[in-house]
Amino acid sequence: MRTTVTLDDEAYEAALTLAKTSGKRLGQVISDLIRRAVQKPQGHAPRGGKRFPTFEVPPGAPMISLKGIRRAWEEE
């Protein structure tokens, strides 16, 4: 379907950059982004009232030790 939309400059630039880096057409990138935005999340249902964003950790992902976290923190 062909249509005309007005995008914020930042949204247009982000979509254009994604299109250029992925080799996809701009319309395809915008369609993919819309589909992802309206897609129901997979996995656990979000709990209400969370103050911080969360993410799923893949099974078998290695643990990051407190020592490793401190070393990374000191390197910044």
C-alpha atoms as a PDB file:
ATOM      1  CA  MET A   1       0.000   0.000   0.000  1.00  0.00           C
ATOM      2  CA  ARG A   2       1.283   3.440  -0.847  1.00  0.00           C
ATOM      3  CA  THR A   3       0.589   6.357   1.491  1.00  0.00           C
ATOM      4  CA  THR A   4       2.113   9.605   2.698  1.00  0.00           C
ATOM      5  CA  VAL A   5       3.096  10.116   6.327  1.00  0.00           C
ATOM      6  CA  THR A   6       4.824  12.912   8.189  1.00  0.00           C
ATOM      7  CA  LEU A   7       7.700  11.784  10.403  1.00  0.00           C
ATOM      8  CA  ASP A   8       9.767  13.647  12.954  1.00  0.00           C
ATOM      9  CA  ASP A   9      13.236  14.428  11.619  1.00  0.00           C
ATOM     10  CA  GLU A  10      14.857  12.088  14.165  1.00  0.00           C
ATOM     11  CA  ALA A  11      12.540   9.201  13.283  1.00  0.00           C
ATOM     12  CA  TYR A  12      13.181   9.694   9.566  1.00  0.00           C
ATOM     13  CA  GLU A  13      16.964   9.815  10.039  1.00  0.00           C
ATOM     14  CA  ALA A  14      16.907   6.682  12.222  1.00  0.00           C
ATOM     15  CA  ALA A  15      14.803   4.757   9.699  1.00  0.00           C
ATOM     16  CA  LEU A  16      16.948   5.979   6.805  1.00  0.00           C
ATOM     17  CA  THR A  17      20.122   4.874   8.590  1.00  0.00           C
ATOM     18  CA  LEU A  18      18.598   1.444   9.267  1.00  0.00           C
ATOM     19  CA  ALA A  19      17.607   1.174   5.614  1.00  0.00           C
ATOM     20  CA  LYS A  20      21.087   2.070   4.390  1.00  0.00           C
ATOM     21  CA  THR A  21      22.883  -0.260   6.798  1.00  0.00           C
ATOM     22  CA  SER A  22      20.530  -3.200   6.218  1.00  0.00           C
ATOM     23  CA  GLY A  23      20.213  -2.803   2.452  1.00  0.00           C
ATOM     24  CA  LYS A  24      16.418  -2.714   2.732  1.00  0.00           C
ATOM     25  CA  ARG A  25      14.050  -0.148   1.254  1.00  0.00           C
ATOM     26  CA  LEU A  26      12.916   2.644   3.589  1.00  0.00           C
ATOM     27  CA  GLY A  27       9.286   1.482   3.419  1.00  0.00           C
ATOM     28  CA  GLN A  28      10.287  -2.062   4.395  1.00  0.00           C
ATOM     29  CA  VAL A  29      12.279  -0.790   7.399  1.00  0.00           C
ATOM     30  CA  ILE A  30       9.380   1.366   8.600  1.00  0.00           C
ATOM     31  CA  SER A  31       6.938  -1.552   8.133  1.00  0.00           C
ATOM     32  CA  ASP A  32       9.254  -3.849  10.141  1.00  0.00           C
ATOM     33  CA  LEU A  33       9.544  -1.286  12.934  1.00  0.00           C
ATOM     34  CA  ILE A  34       5.766  -0.896  13.150  1.00  0.00           C
ATOM     35  CA  ARG A  35       5.271  -4.670  13.251  1.00  0.00           C
ATOM     36  CA  ARG A  36       7.813  -4.983  16.075  1.00  0.00           C
ATOM     37  CA  ALA A  37       6.166  -2.156  18.016  1.00  0.00           C
ATOM     38  CA  VAL A  38       2.693  -3.714  17.931  1.00  0.00           C
ATOM     39  CA  GLN A  39       3.804  -7.339  18.308  1.00  0.00           C
ATOM     40  CA  LYS A  40       2.849  -8.955  21.595  1.00  0.00           C
ATOM     41  CA  PRO A  41       5.941  -9.627  23.714  1.00  0.00           C
ATOM     42  CA  GLN A  42       7.073 -13.226  23.869  1.00  0.00           C
ATOM     43  CA  GLY A  43       7.894 -14.980  27.102  1.00  0.00           C
ATOM     44  CA  HIS A  44       6.818 -13.777  30.517  1.00  0.00           C
ATOM     45  CA  ALA A  45       4.027 -11.261  30.885  1.00  0.00           C
ATOM     46  CA  PRO A  46       5.331  -7.938  32.235  1.00  0.00           C
ATOM     47  CA  ARG A  47       4.484  -7.111  35.824  1.00  0.00           C
ATOM     48  CA  GLY A  48       2.836  -3.808  36.505  1.00  0.00           C
ATOM     49  CA  GLY A  49       4.570  -1.083  38.472  1.00  0.00           C
ATOM     50  CA  LYS A  50       8.190  -1.850  37.506  1.00  0.00           C
ATOM     51  CA  ARG A  51      10.410   1.184  37.816  1.00  0.00           C
ATOM     52  CA  PHE A  52      13.287  -0.136  35.702  1.00  0.00           C
ATOM     53  CA  PRO A  53      13.394  -1.688  32.238  1.00  0.00           C
ATOM     54  CA  THR A  54      14.016  -5.433  32.141  1.00  0.00           C
ATOM     55  CA  PHE A  55      15.156  -7.891  29.502  1.00  0.00           C
ATOM     56  CA  GLU A  56      15.251 -11.636  28.996  1.00  0.00           C
ATOM     57  CA  VAL A  57      18.577 -13.442  29.409  1.00  0.00           C
ATOM     58  CA  PRO A  58      19.001 -16.405  27.074  1.00  0.00           C
ATOM     59  CA  PRO A  59      19.315 -19.812  28.748  1.00  0.00           C
ATOM     60  CA  GLY A  60      22.943 -20.795  29.244  1.00  0.00           C
ATOM     61  CA  ALA A  61      24.227 -17.214  29.153  1.00  0.00           C
ATOM     62  CA  PRO A  62      27.404 -16.886  31.238  1.00  0.00           C
ATOM     63  CA  MET A  63      27.135 -15.090  34.570  1.00  0.00           C
ATOM     64  CA  ILE A  64      29.060 -11.861  35.023  1.00  0.00           C
ATOM     65  CA  SER A  65      30.943 -11.923  38.294  1.00  0.00           C
ATOM     66  CA  LEU A  66      30.980  -9.030  40.725  1.00  0.00           C
ATOM     67  CA  LYS A  67      34.752  -8.871  40.172  1.00  0.00           C
ATOM     68  CA  GLY A  68      34.181  -8.478  36.422  1.00  0.00           C
ATOM     69  CA  ILE A  69      31.615  -5.740  37.004  1.00  0.00           C
ATOM     70  CA  ARG A  70      33.991  -3.858  39.289  1.00  0.00           C
ATOM     71  CA  ARG A  71      36.832  -4.180  36.768  1.00  0.00           C
ATOM     72  CA  ALA A  72      34.608  -2.813  33.967  1.00  0.00           C
ATOM     73  CA  TRP A  73      33.409   0.010  36.216  1.00  0.00           C
ATOM     74  CA  GLU A  74      37.010   1.010  37.037  1.00  0.00           C
ATOM     75  CA  GLU A  75      37.985   1.025  33.332  1.00  0.00           C
ATOM     76  CA  GLU A  76      35.457   3.751  32.508  1.00  0.00           C
END
